[in-house]
Amino acid sequence: MAKIGQFIGSEDTDYIQHNPNIGDGLNNLGNALGELAKMGMLMVVKTNHKVLGEGNFVLSISEGTFMQQHVAFYDLFRVENNMIVEHWDTIETIPAKADWKNSNGKFGF
């Protein structure tokens, strides 16, 4: 978080957040992540499986923990003038392997 200002502008209009639980702008992102941290609900990325970029879009596919669950993170960023200006995400719980209905998993690409 100490370096996030290098990637997202400081004005609320500099960053559009499509997660309905987090407001637009760097301040709202920082506040949301700070509140989660206070509650012990850290968002921890353990493995980056793939980063794909085309044009001004970058997709990051990662694995880690959120709300004390094993999860897959899919984050789509739009970049403009070397800064993140827009973000979409989904976080999905990864079930225990014994509960999988197939052998593909979340990262079998």
PDB file of N, CA and C in Angstrom:
ATOM      1  N   MET A   1       0.819  -1.201   0.000  1.00  0.00           N
ATOM      2  CA  MET A   1       0.000   0.000   0.000  1.00  0.00           C
ATOM      3  C   MET A   1       0.855   1.254   0.000  1.00  0.00           C
ATOM      4  N   ALA A   2       2.064   1.182   0.526  1.00  0.00           N
ATOM      5  CA  ALA A   2       2.917   2.368   0.584  1.00  0.00           C
ATOM      6  C   ALA A   2       3.260   2.893  -0.811  1.00  0.00           C
ATOM      7  N   LYS A   3       3.228   2.034  -1.820  1.00  0.00           N
ATOM      8  CA  LYS A   3       3.602   2.440  -3.174  1.00  0.00           C
ATOM      9  C   LYS A   3       2.411   2.582  -4.115  1.00  0.00           C
ATOM     10  N   ILE A   4       1.197   2.416  -3.619  1.00  0.00           N
ATOM     11  CA  ILE A   4       0.039   2.404  -4.505  1.00  0.00           C
ATOM     12  C   ILE A   4      -0.165   3.736  -5.229  1.00  0.00           C
ATOM     13  N   GLY A   5       0.278   4.832  -4.627  1.00  0.00           N
ATOM     14  CA  GLY A   5       0.175   6.141  -5.264  1.00  0.00           C
ATOM     15  C   GLY A   5       1.008   6.247  -6.537  1.00  0.00           C
ATOM     16  N   GLN A   6       1.919   5.326  -6.742  1.00  0.00           N
ATOM     17  CA  GLN A   6       2.695   5.288  -7.983  1.00  0.00           C
ATOM     18  C   GLN A   6       1.889   4.687  -9.137  1.00  0.00           C
ATOM     19  N   PHE A   7       0.765   4.037  -8.797  1.00  0.00           N
ATOM     20  CA  PHE A   7      -0.012   3.317  -9.800  1.00  0.00           C
ATOM     21  C   PHE A   7      -1.434   3.826  -9.960  1.00  0.00           C
ATOM     22  N   ILE A   8      -1.941   4.553  -8.956  1.00  0.00           N
ATOM     23  CA  ILE A   8      -3.295   5.102  -8.984  1.00  0.00           C
ATOM     24  C   ILE A   8      -3.210   6.566  -8.579  1.00  0.00           C
ATOM     25  N   GLY A   9      -3.857   7.429  -9.367  1.00  0.00           N
ATOM     26  CA  GLY A   9      -3.858   8.858  -9.059  1.00  0.00           C
ATOM     27  C   GLY A   9      -4.580   9.164  -7.757  1.00  0.00           C
ATOM     28  N   SER A  10      -4.286  10.301  -7.160  1.00  0.00           N
ATOM     29  CA  SER A  10      -4.804  10.639  -5.823  1.00  0.00           C
ATOM     30  C   SER A  10      -6.216  11.215  -5.817  1.00  0.00           C
ATOM     31  N   GLU A  11      -6.723  11.660  -6.944  1.00  0.00           N
ATOM     32  CA  GLU A  11      -8.086  12.221  -7.001  1.00  0.00           C
ATOM     33  C   GLU A  11      -9.111  11.098  -7.129  1.00  0.00           C
ATOM     34  N   ASP A  12     -10.292  11.281  -6.522  1.00  0.00           N
ATOM     35  CA  ASP A  12     -11.337  10.256  -6.615  1.00  0.00           C
ATOM     36  C   ASP A  12     -11.735   9.978  -8.061  1.00  0.00           C
ATOM     37  N   THR A  13     -11.613  10.969  -8.927  1.00  0.00           N
ATOM     38  CA  THR A  13     -11.975  10.791 -10.335  1.00  0.00           C
ATOM     39  C   THR A  13     -10.894  10.072 -11.138  1.00  0.00           C
ATOM     40  N   ASP A  14      -9.736   9.807 -10.526  1.00  0.00           N
ATOM     41  CA  ASP A  14      -8.628   9.148 -11.222  1.00  0.00           C
ATOM     42  C   ASP A  14      -8.790   7.635 -11.309  1.00  0.00           C
ATOM     43  N   TYR A  15      -9.712   7.063 -10.524  1.00  0.00           N
ATOM     44  CA  TYR A  15      -9.795   5.606 -10.405  1.00  0.00           C
ATOM     45  C   TYR A  15     -11.247   5.189 -10.261  1.00  0.00           C
ATOM     46  N   ILE A  16     -11.741   4.409 -11.224  1.00  0.00           N
ATOM     47  CA  ILE A  16     -13.111   3.899 -11.197  1.00  0.00           C
ATOM     48  C   ILE A  16     -13.064   2.465 -10.704  1.00  0.00           C
ATOM     49  N   GLN A  17     -13.797   2.189  -9.646  1.00  0.00           N
ATOM     50  CA  GLN A  17     -13.828   0.866  -9.010  1.00  0.00           C
ATOM     51  C   GLN A  17     -15.183   0.235  -9.299  1.00  0.00           C
ATOM     52  N   HIS A  18     -15.203  -0.931  -9.921  1.00  0.00           N
ATOM     53  CA  HIS A  18     -16.466  -1.600 -10.267  1.00  0.00           C
ATOM     54  C   HIS A  18     -16.925  -2.597  -9.206  1.00  0.00           C
ATOM     55  N   ASN A  19     -16.173  -2.764  -8.142  1.00  0.00           N
ATOM     56  CA  ASN A  19     -16.628  -3.584  -7.021  1.00  0.00           C
ATOM     57  C   ASN A  19     -17.656  -2.744  -6.266  1.00  0.00           C
ATOM     58  N   PRO A  20     -18.902  -3.215  -6.133  1.00  0.00           N
ATOM     59  CA  PRO A  20     -19.937  -2.394  -5.493  1.00  0.00           C
ATOM     60  C   PRO A  20     -19.704  -2.149  -4.001  1.00  0.00           C
ATOM     61  N   ASN A  21     -18.758  -2.852  -3.401  1.00  0.00           N
ATOM     62  CA  ASN A  21     -18.482  -2.677  -1.978  1.00  0.00           C
ATOM     63  C   ASN A  21     -17.375  -1.664  -1.698  1.00  0.00           C
ATOM     64  N   ILE A  22     -16.784  -1.109  -2.757  1.00  0.00           N
ATOM     65  CA  ILE A  22     -15.685  -0.154  -2.612  1.00  0.00           C
ATOM     66  C   ILE A  22     -15.975   1.041  -3.504  1.00  0.00           C
ATOM     67  N   GLY A  23     -15.850   2.243  -2.976  1.00  0.00           N
ATOM     68  CA  GLY A  23     -16.091   3.449  -3.758  1.00  0.00           C
ATOM     69  C   GLY A  23     -14.948   3.745  -4.708  1.00  0.00           C
ATOM     70  N   ASP A  24     -15.200   4.664  -5.628  1.00  0.00           N
ATOM     71  CA  ASP A  24     -14.170   5.111  -6.561  1.00  0.00           C
ATOM     72  C   ASP A  24     -13.078   5.874  -5.823  1.00  0.00           C
ATOM     73  N   GLY A  25     -11.908   5.916  -6.411  1.00  0.00           N
ATOM     74  CA  GLY A  25     -10.813   6.715  -5.882  1.00  0.00           C
ATOM     75  C   GLY A  25      -9.900   5.952  -4.947  1.00  0.00           C
ATOM     76  N   LEU A  26      -8.671   6.437  -4.892  1.00  0.00           N
ATOM     77  CA  LEU A  26      -7.637   5.829  -4.062  1.00  0.00           C
ATOM     78  C   LEU A  26      -7.996   5.864  -2.581  1.00  0.00           C
ATOM     79  N   ASN A  27      -8.586   6.962  -2.107  1.00  0.00           N
ATOM     80  CA  ASN A  27      -8.949   7.052  -0.684  1.00  0.00           C
ATOM     81  C   ASN A  27      -9.957   5.986  -0.292  1.00  0.00           C
ATOM     82  N   ASN A  28     -10.978   5.777  -1.123  1.00  0.00           N
ATOM     83  CA  ASN A  28     -11.986   4.756  -0.806  1.00  0.00           C
ATOM     84  C   ASN A  28     -11.396   3.350  -0.850  1.00  0.00           C
ATOM     85  N   LEU A  29     -10.495   3.102  -1.780  1.00  0.00           N
ATOM     86  CA  LEU A  29      -9.826   1.802  -1.831  1.00  0.00           C
ATOM     87  C   LEU A  29      -9.013   1.579  -0.564  1.00  0.00           C
ATOM     88  N   GLY A  30      -8.222   2.565  -0.189  1.00  0.00           N
ATOM     89  CA  GLY A  30      -7.407   2.465   1.026  1.00  0.00           C
ATOM     90  C   GLY A  30      -8.248   2.273   2.271  1.00  0.00           C
ATOM     91  N   ASN A  31      -9.361   3.015   2.364  1.00  0.00           N
ATOM     92  CA  ASN A  31     -10.258   2.886   3.519  1.00  0.00           C
ATOM     93  C   ASN A  31     -10.862   1.485   3.600  1.00  0.00           C
ATOM     94  N   ALA A  32     -11.303   0.954   2.455  1.00  0.00           N
ATOM     95  CA  ALA A  32     -11.920  -0.377   2.442  1.00  0.00           C
ATOM     96  C   ALA A  32     -10.914  -1.444   2.858  1.00  0.00           C
ATOM     97  N   LEU A  33      -9.712  -1.385   2.287  1.00  0.00           N
ATOM     98  CA  LEU A  33      -8.692  -2.381   2.643  1.00  0.00           C
ATOM     99  C   LEU A  33      -8.256  -2.225   4.091  1.00  0.00           C
ATOM    100  N   GLY A  34      -8.202  -0.991   4.572  1.00  0.00           N
ATOM    101  CA  GLY A  34      -7.853  -0.741   5.978  1.00  0.00           C
ATOM    102  C   GLY A  34      -8.889  -1.304   6.934  1.00  0.00           C
ATOM    103  N   GLU A  35     -10.163  -1.126   6.610  1.00  0.00           N
ATOM    104  CA  GLU A  35     -11.234  -1.663   7.460  1.00  0.00           C
ATOM    105  C   GLU A  35     -11.190  -3.189   7.490  1.00  0.00           C
ATOM    106  N   LEU A  36     -10.960  -3.803   6.336  1.00  0.00           N
ATOM    107  CA  LEU A  36     -10.841  -5.262   6.305  1.00  0.00           C
ATOM    108  C   LEU A  36      -9.672  -5.726   7.161  1.00  0.00           C
ATOM    109  N   ALA A  37      -8.558  -5.023   7.081  1.00  0.00           N
ATOM    110  CA  ALA A  37      -7.376  -5.386   7.870  1.00  0.00           C
ATOM    111  C   ALA A  37      -7.659  -5.276   9.362  1.00  0.00           C
ATOM    112  N   LYS A  38      -8.393  -4.228   9.778  1.00  0.00           N
ATOM    113  CA  LYS A  38      -8.749  -4.060  11.197  1.00  0.00           C
ATOM    114  C   LYS A  38      -9.560  -5.242  11.713  1.00  0.00           C
ATOM    115  N   MET A  39     -10.381  -5.812  10.824  1.00  0.00           N
ATOM    116  CA  MET A  39     -11.228  -6.951  11.202  1.00  0.00           C
ATOM    117  C   MET A  39     -10.491  -8.283  11.030  1.00  0.00           C
ATOM    118  N   GLY A  40      -9.211  -8.230  10.649  1.00  0.00           N
ATOM    119  CA  GLY A  40      -8.450  -9.465  10.440  1.00  0.00           C
ATOM    120  C   GLY A  40      -8.810 -10.180   9.157  1.00  0.00           C
ATOM    121  N   MET A  41      -9.399  -9.465   8.225  1.00  0.00           N
ATOM    122  CA  MET A  41      -9.837 -10.050   6.950  1.00  0.00           C
ATOM    123  C   MET A  41      -8.866  -9.664   5.841  1.00  0.00           C
ATOM    124  N   LEU A  42      -7.601  -9.984   6.021  1.00  0.00           N
ATOM    125  CA  LEU A  42      -6.578  -9.602   5.059  1.00  0.00           C
ATOM    126  C   LEU A  42      -6.772 -10.296   3.714  1.00  0.00           C
ATOM    127  N   MET A  43      -6.456  -9.572   2.654  1.00  0.00           N
ATOM    128  CA  MET A  43      -6.460 -10.100   1.303  1.00  0.00           C
ATOM    129  C   MET A  43      -4.999 -10.407   0.985  1.00  0.00           C
ATOM    130  N   VAL A  44      -4.659 -11.701   0.876  1.00  0.00           N
ATOM    131  CA  VAL A  44      -3.277 -12.118   0.701  1.00  0.00           C
ATOM    132  C   VAL A  44      -3.147 -12.905  -0.595  1.00  0.00           C
ATOM    133  N   VAL A  45      -2.325 -12.409  -1.507  1.00  0.00           N
ATOM    134  CA  VAL A  45      -2.029 -13.128  -2.742  1.00  0.00           C
ATOM    135  C   VAL A  45      -0.798 -13.984  -2.487  1.00  0.00           C
ATOM    136  N   LYS A  46      -0.938 -15.296  -2.701  1.00  0.00           N
ATOM    137  CA  LYS A  46       0.176 -16.216  -2.475  1.00  0.00           C
ATOM    138  C   LYS A  46       0.854 -16.621  -3.774  1.00  0.00           C
ATOM    139  N   THR A  47       0.088 -16.749  -4.858  1.00  0.00           N
ATOM    140  CA  THR A  47       0.636 -17.179  -6.139  1.00  0.00           C
ATOM    141  C   THR A  47      -0.016 -16.384  -7.261  1.00  0.00           C
ATOM    142  N   ASN A  48       0.810 -15.804  -8.122  1.00  0.00           N
ATOM    143  CA  ASN A  48       0.316 -15.188  -9.356  1.00  0.00           C
ATOM    144  C   ASN A  48       0.411 -16.252 -10.444  1.00  0.00           C
ATOM    145  N   HIS A  49      -0.738 -16.698 -10.951  1.00  0.00           N
ATOM    146  CA  HIS A  49      -0.744 -17.773 -11.947  1.00  0.00           C
ATOM    147  C   HIS A  49      -0.551 -17.248 -13.357  1.00  0.00           C
ATOM    148  N   LYS A  50      -1.104 -16.071 -13.629  1.00  0.00           N
ATOM    149  CA  LYS A  50      -1.006 -15.551 -14.989  1.00  0.00           C
ATOM    150  C   LYS A  50      -1.306 -14.066 -14.974  1.00  0.00           C
ATOM    151  N   VAL A  51      -0.563 -13.337 -15.796  1.00  0.00           N
ATOM    152  CA  VAL A  51      -0.840 -11.921 -16.048  1.00  0.00           C
ATOM    153  C   VAL A  51      -0.878 -11.760 -17.557  1.00  0.00           C
ATOM    154  N   LEU A  52      -2.008 -11.297 -18.066  1.00  0.00           N
ATOM    155  CA  LEU A  52      -2.199 -11.130 -19.502  1.00  0.00           C
ATOM    156  C   LEU A  52      -2.481  -9.664 -19.791  1.00  0.00           C
ATOM    157  N   GLY A  53      -1.870  -9.139 -20.817  1.00  0.00           N
ATOM    158  CA  GLY A  53      -2.115  -7.761 -21.196  1.00  0.00           C
ATOM    159  C   GLY A  53      -2.366  -7.644 -22.677  1.00  0.00           C
ATOM    160  N   GLU A  54      -3.310  -6.771 -23.030  1.00  0.00           N
ATOM    161  CA  GLU A  54      -3.557  -6.447 -24.431  1.00  0.00           C
ATOM    162  C   GLU A  54      -4.085  -5.028 -24.482  1.00  0.00           C
ATOM    163  N   GLY A  55      -3.446  -4.224 -25.316  1.00  0.00           N
ATOM    164  CA  GLY A  55      -3.852  -2.822 -25.391  1.00  0.00           C
ATOM    165  C   GLY A  55      -3.670  -2.177 -24.036  1.00  0.00           C
ATOM    166  N   ASN A  56      -4.728  -1.567 -23.540  1.00  0.00           N
ATOM    167  CA  ASN A  56      -4.636  -0.906 -22.231  1.00  0.00           C
ATOM    168  C   ASN A  56      -5.337  -1.703 -21.127  1.00  0.00           C
ATOM    169  N   PHE A  57      -5.483  -3.018 -21.319  1.00  0.00           N
ATOM    170  CA  PHE A  57      -6.090  -3.868 -20.303  1.00  0.00           C
ATOM    171  C   PHE A  57      -5.094  -4.915 -19.814  1.00  0.00           C
ATOM    172  N   VAL A  58      -5.130  -5.193 -18.520  1.00  0.00           N
ATOM    173  CA  VAL A  58      -4.285  -6.210 -17.907  1.00  0.00           C
ATOM    174  C   VAL A  58      -5.164  -7.084 -17.010  1.00  0.00           C
ATOM    175  N   LEU A  59      -5.083  -8.397 -17.191  1.00  0.00           N
ATOM    176  CA  LEU A  59      -5.804  -9.353 -16.351  1.00  0.00           C
ATOM    177  C   LEU A  59      -4.799 -10.085 -15.483  1.00  0.00           C
ATOM    178  N   SER A  60      -5.038 -10.079 -14.187  1.00  0.00           N
ATOM    179  CA  SER A  60      -4.204 -10.793 -13.228  1.00  0.00           C
ATOM    180  C   SER A  60      -5.030 -11.926 -12.629  1.00  0.00           C
ATOM    181  N   ILE A  61      -4.480 -13.150 -12.695  1.00  0.00           N
ATOM    182  CA  ILE A  61      -5.150 -14.332 -12.155  1.00  0.00           C
ATOM    183  C   ILE A  61      -4.270 -14.863 -11.035  1.00  0.00           C
ATOM    184  N   SER A  62      -4.788 -14.818  -9.813  1.00  0.00           N
ATOM    185  CA  SER A  62      -3.973 -15.141  -8.641  1.00  0.00           C
ATOM    186  C   SER A  62      -4.719 -16.058  -7.687  1.00  0.00           C
ATOM    187  N   GLU A  63      -3.973 -16.580  -6.739  1.00  0.00           N
ATOM    188  CA  GLU A  63      -4.510 -17.476  -5.718  1.00  0.00           C
ATOM    189  C   GLU A  63      -4.027 -16.983  -4.360  1.00  0.00           C
ATOM    190  N   GLY A  64      -4.894 -17.083  -3.377  1.00  0.00           N
ATOM    191  CA  GLY A  64      -4.491 -16.662  -2.038  1.00  0.00           C
ATOM    192  C   GLY A  64      -5.586 -16.891  -1.023  1.00  0.00           C
ATOM    193  N   THR A  65      -5.651 -15.993  -0.047  1.00  0.00           N
ATOM    194  CA  THR A  65      -6.673 -16.088   0.994  1.00  0.00           C
ATOM    195  C   THR A  65      -7.385 -14.750   1.142  1.00  0.00           C
ATOM    196  N   PHE A  66      -8.664 -14.859   1.432  1.00  0.00           N
ATOM    197  CA  PHE A  66      -9.487 -13.691   1.727  1.00  0.00           C
ATOM    198  C   PHE A  66     -10.595 -14.142   2.664  1.00  0.00           C
ATOM    199  N   MET A  67     -10.783 -13.376   3.718  1.00  0.00           N
ATOM    200  CA  MET A  67     -11.773 -13.717   4.745  1.00  0.00           C
ATOM    201  C   MET A  67     -11.544 -15.140   5.247  1.00  0.00           C
ATOM    202  N   GLN A  68     -10.246 -15.472   5.383  1.00  0.00           N
ATOM    203  CA  GLN A  68      -9.792 -16.748   5.917  1.00  0.00           C
ATOM    204  C   GLN A  68     -10.230 -17.949   5.074  1.00  0.00           C
ATOM    205  N   GLN A  69     -10.415 -17.711   3.765  1.00  0.00           N
ATOM    206  CA  GLN A  69     -10.768 -18.791   2.849  1.00  0.00           C
ATOM    207  C   GLN A  69      -9.758 -18.835   1.715  1.00  0.00           C
ATOM    208  N   HIS A  70      -9.550 -20.025   1.174  1.00  0.00           N
ATOM    209  CA  HIS A  70      -8.691 -20.226   0.009  1.00  0.00           C
ATOM    210  C   HIS A  70      -9.475 -19.748  -1.216  1.00  0.00           C
ATOM    211  N   VAL A  71      -8.924 -18.771  -1.961  1.00  0.00           N
ATOM    212  CA  VAL A  71      -9.684 -18.146  -3.044  1.00  0.00           C
ATOM    213  C   VAL A  71      -8.863 -17.962  -4.308  1.00  0.00           C
ATOM    214  N   ALA A  72      -9.599 -17.741  -5.413  1.00  0.00           N
ATOM    215  CA  ALA A  72      -9.033 -17.311  -6.683  1.00  0.00           C
ATOM    216  C   ALA A  72      -9.391 -15.839  -6.862  1.00  0.00           C
ATOM    217  N   PHE A  73      -8.395 -15.029  -7.235  1.00  0.00           N
ATOM    218  CA  PHE A  73      -8.603 -13.613  -7.523  1.00  0.00           C
ATOM    219  C   PHE A  73      -8.467 -13.411  -9.030  1.00  0.00           C
ATOM    220  N   TYR A  74      -9.458 -12.815  -9.651  1.00  0.00           N
ATOM    221  CA  TYR A  74      -9.365 -12.381 -11.041  1.00  0.00           C
ATOM    222  C   TYR A  74      -9.552 -10.872 -11.027  1.00  0.00           C
ATOM    223  N   ASP A  75      -8.524 -10.136 -11.421  1.00  0.00           N
ATOM    224  CA  ASP A  75      -8.550  -8.675 -11.425  1.00  0.00           C
ATOM    225  C   ASP A  75      -8.271  -8.172 -12.835  1.00  0.00           C
ATOM    226  N   LEU A  76      -9.161  -7.332 -13.346  1.00  0.00           N
ATOM    227  CA  LEU A  76      -8.985  -6.719 -14.654  1.00  0.00           C
ATOM    228  C   LEU A  76      -8.762  -5.231 -14.441  1.00  0.00           C
ATOM    229  N   PHE A  77      -7.679  -4.719 -14.993  1.00  0.00           N
ATOM    230  CA  PHE A  77      -7.319  -3.314 -14.852  1.00  0.00           C
ATOM    231  C   PHE A  77      -7.303  -2.650 -16.222  1.00  0.00           C
ATOM    232  N   ARG A  78      -7.773  -1.398 -16.260  1.00  0.00           N
ATOM    233  CA  ARG A  78      -7.587  -0.565 -17.446  1.00  0.00           C
ATOM    234  C   ARG A  78      -6.529   0.462 -17.089  1.00  0.00           C
ATOM    235  N   VAL A  79      -5.549   0.596 -17.967  1.00  0.00           N
ATOM    236  CA  VAL A  79      -4.404   1.475 -17.723  1.00  0.00           C
ATOM    237  C   VAL A  79      -4.447   2.627 -18.721  1.00  0.00           C
ATOM    238  N   GLU A  80      -4.144   3.810 -18.227  1.00  0.00           N
ATOM    239  CA  GLU A  80      -4.079   5.002 -19.078  1.00  0.00           C
ATOM    240  C   GLU A  80      -2.930   5.871 -18.586  1.00  0.00           C
ATOM    241  N   ASN A  81      -2.059   6.284 -19.473  1.00  0.00           N
ATOM    242  CA  ASN A  81      -0.885   7.093 -19.111  1.00  0.00           C
ATOM    243  C   ASN A  81      -0.081   6.442 -17.981  1.00  0.00           C
ATOM    244  N   ASN A  82       0.107   5.123 -18.080  1.00  0.00           N
ATOM    245  CA  ASN A  82       0.900   4.337 -17.116  1.00  0.00           C
ATOM    246  C   ASN A  82       0.308   4.291 -15.711  1.00  0.00           C
ATOM    247  N   MET A  83      -0.978   4.585 -15.581  1.00  0.00           N
ATOM    248  CA  MET A  83      -1.649   4.533 -14.274  1.00  0.00           C
ATOM    249  C   MET A  83      -2.892   3.655 -14.391  1.00  0.00           C
ATOM    250  N   ILE A  84      -3.253   2.972 -13.295  1.00  0.00           N
ATOM    251  CA  ILE A  84      -4.498   2.193 -13.245  1.00  0.00           C
ATOM    252  C   ILE A  84      -5.640   3.193 -13.091  1.00  0.00           C
ATOM    253  N   VAL A  85      -6.594   3.139 -14.025  1.00  0.00           N
ATOM    254  CA  VAL A  85      -7.711   4.085 -13.980  1.00  0.00           C
ATOM    255  C   VAL A  85      -9.059   3.400 -13.773  1.00  0.00           C
ATOM    256  N   GLU A  86      -9.073   2.064 -13.896  1.00  0.00           N
ATOM    257  CA  GLU A  86     -10.333   1.346 -13.741  1.00  0.00           C
ATOM    258  C   GLU A  86     -10.041  -0.085 -13.319  1.00  0.00           C
ATOM    259  N   HIS A  87     -10.945  -0.669 -12.513  1.00  0.00           N
ATOM    260  CA  HIS A  87     -10.708  -2.004 -11.969  1.00  0.00           C
ATOM    261  C   HIS A  87     -12.013  -2.776 -11.826  1.00  0.00           C
ATOM    262  N   TRP A  88     -11.975  -4.023 -12.288  1.00  0.00           N
ATOM    263  CA  TRP A  88     -13.054  -4.986 -12.092  1.00  0.00           C
ATOM    264  C   TRP A  88     -12.442  -6.186 -11.395  1.00  0.00           C
ATOM    265  N   ASP A  89     -13.206  -6.872 -10.545  1.00  0.00           N
ATOM    266  CA  ASP A  89     -12.645  -8.049  -9.898  1.00  0.00           C
ATOM    267  C   ASP A  89     -13.723  -9.050  -9.530  1.00  0.00           C
ATOM    268  N   THR A  90     -13.257 -10.268  -9.349  1.00  0.00           N
ATOM    269  CA  THR A  90     -14.095 -11.310  -8.775  1.00  0.00           C
ATOM    270  C   THR A  90     -13.199 -12.150  -7.867  1.00  0.00           C
ATOM    271  N   ILE A  91     -13.759 -12.563  -6.760  1.00  0.00           N
ATOM    272  CA  ILE A  91     -13.049 -13.411  -5.807  1.00  0.00           C
ATOM    273  C   ILE A  91     -13.939 -14.624  -5.578  1.00  0.00           C
ATOM    274  N   GLU A  92     -13.397 -15.813  -5.807  1.00  0.00           N
ATOM    275  CA  GLU A  92     -14.206 -17.021  -5.671  1.00  0.00           C
ATOM    276  C   GLU A  92     -13.498 -18.041  -4.800  1.00  0.00           C
ATOM    277  N   THR A  93     -14.233 -18.601  -3.863  1.00  0.00           N
ATOM    278  CA  THR A  93     -13.692 -19.631  -2.980  1.00  0.00           C
ATOM    279  C   THR A  93     -13.311 -20.865  -3.791  1.00  0.00           C
ATOM    280  N   ILE A  94     -12.165 -21.440  -3.465  1.00  0.00           N
ATOM    281  CA  ILE A  94     -11.707 -22.670  -4.092  1.00  0.00           C
ATOM    282  C   ILE A  94     -12.061 -23.813  -3.141  1.00  0.00           C
ATOM    283  N   PRO A  95     -12.937 -24.714  -3.567  1.00  0.00           N
ATOM    284  CA  PRO A  95     -13.303 -25.821  -2.678  1.00  0.00           C
ATOM    285  C   PRO A  95     -12.142 -26.791  -2.483  1.00  0.00           C
ATOM    286  N   ALA A  96     -12.246 -27.612  -1.471  1.00  0.00           N
ATOM    287  CA  ALA A  96     -11.258 -28.669  -1.247  1.00  0.00           C
ATOM    288  C   ALA A  96     -11.234 -29.577  -2.476  1.00  0.00           C
ATOM    289  N   LYS A  97     -10.064 -30.052  -2.850  1.00  0.00           N
ATOM    290  CA  LYS A  97      -9.916 -30.856  -4.067  1.00  0.00           C
ATOM    291  C   LYS A  97     -10.862 -32.066  -4.065  1.00  0.00           C
ATOM    292  N   ALA A  98     -11.140 -32.619  -2.913  1.00  0.00           N
ATOM    293  CA  ALA A  98     -12.054 -33.772  -2.815  1.00  0.00           C
ATOM    294  C   ALA A  98     -13.473 -33.403  -3.266  1.00  0.00           C
ATOM    295  N   ASP A  99     -13.803 -32.105  -3.253  1.00  0.00           N
ATOM    296  CA  ASP A  99     -15.145 -31.645  -3.635  1.00  0.00           C
ATOM    297  C   ASP A  99     -15.233 -31.194  -5.087  1.00  0.00           C
ATOM    298  N   TRP A 100     -14.127 -31.219  -5.822  1.00  0.00           N
ATOM    299  CA  TRP A 100     -14.141 -30.794  -7.222  1.00  0.00           C
ATOM    300  C   TRP A 100     -14.983 -31.752  -8.057  1.00  0.00           C
ATOM    301  N   LYS A 101     -15.709 -31.234  -9.021  1.00  0.00           N
ATOM    302  CA  LYS A 101     -16.523 -32.041  -9.935  1.00  0.00           C
ATOM    303  C   LYS A 101     -15.726 -32.447 -11.182  1.00  0.00           C
ATOM    304  N   ASN A 102     -14.534 -31.868 -11.361  1.00  0.00           N
ATOM    305  CA  ASN A 102     -13.654 -32.201 -12.481  1.00  0.00           C
ATOM    306  C   ASN A 102     -12.212 -31.976 -12.038  1.00  0.00           C
ATOM    307  N   SER A 103     -11.270 -32.222 -12.923  1.00  0.00           N
ATOM    308  CA  SER A 103      -9.863 -32.079 -12.546  1.00  0.00           C
ATOM    309  C   SER A 103      -9.255 -30.768 -13.044  1.00  0.00           C
ATOM    310  N   ASN A 104     -10.049 -29.869 -13.589  1.00  0.00           N
ATOM    311  CA  ASN A 104      -9.551 -28.638 -14.175  1.00  0.00           C
ATOM    312  C   ASN A 104      -9.059 -27.629 -13.148  1.00  0.00           C
ATOM    313  N   GLY A 105      -9.771 -27.475 -12.059  1.00  0.00           N
ATOM    314  CA  GLY A 105      -9.439 -26.475 -11.068  1.00  0.00           C
ATOM    315  C   GLY A 105      -9.607 -25.072 -11.618  1.00  0.00           C
ATOM    316  N   LYS A 106      -9.253 -24.069 -10.838  1.00  0.00           N
ATOM    317  CA  LYS A 106      -9.393 -22.668 -11.238  1.00  0.00           C
ATOM    318  C   LYS A 106      -8.256 -22.211 -12.133  1.00  0.00           C
ATOM    319  N   PHE A 107      -7.158 -22.951 -12.151  1.00  0.00           N
ATOM    320  CA  PHE A 107      -5.965 -22.460 -12.843  1.00  0.00           C
ATOM    321  C   PHE A 107      -5.453 -23.463 -13.861  1.00  0.00           C
ATOM    322  N   GLY A 108      -6.321 -24.327 -14.352  1.00  0.00           N
ATOM    323  CA  GLY A 108      -5.906 -25.356 -15.312  1.00  0.00           C
ATOM    324  C   GLY A 108      -5.940 -24.878 -16.745  1.00  0.00           C
ATOM    325  N   PHE A 109      -5.210 -23.791 -17.030  1.00  0.00           N
ATOM    326  CA  PHE A 109      -5.213 -23.287 -18.411  1.00  0.00           C
ATOM    327  C   PHE A 109      -3.909 -23.594 -19.100  1.00  0.00           C
TER     328      PHE A 109
END
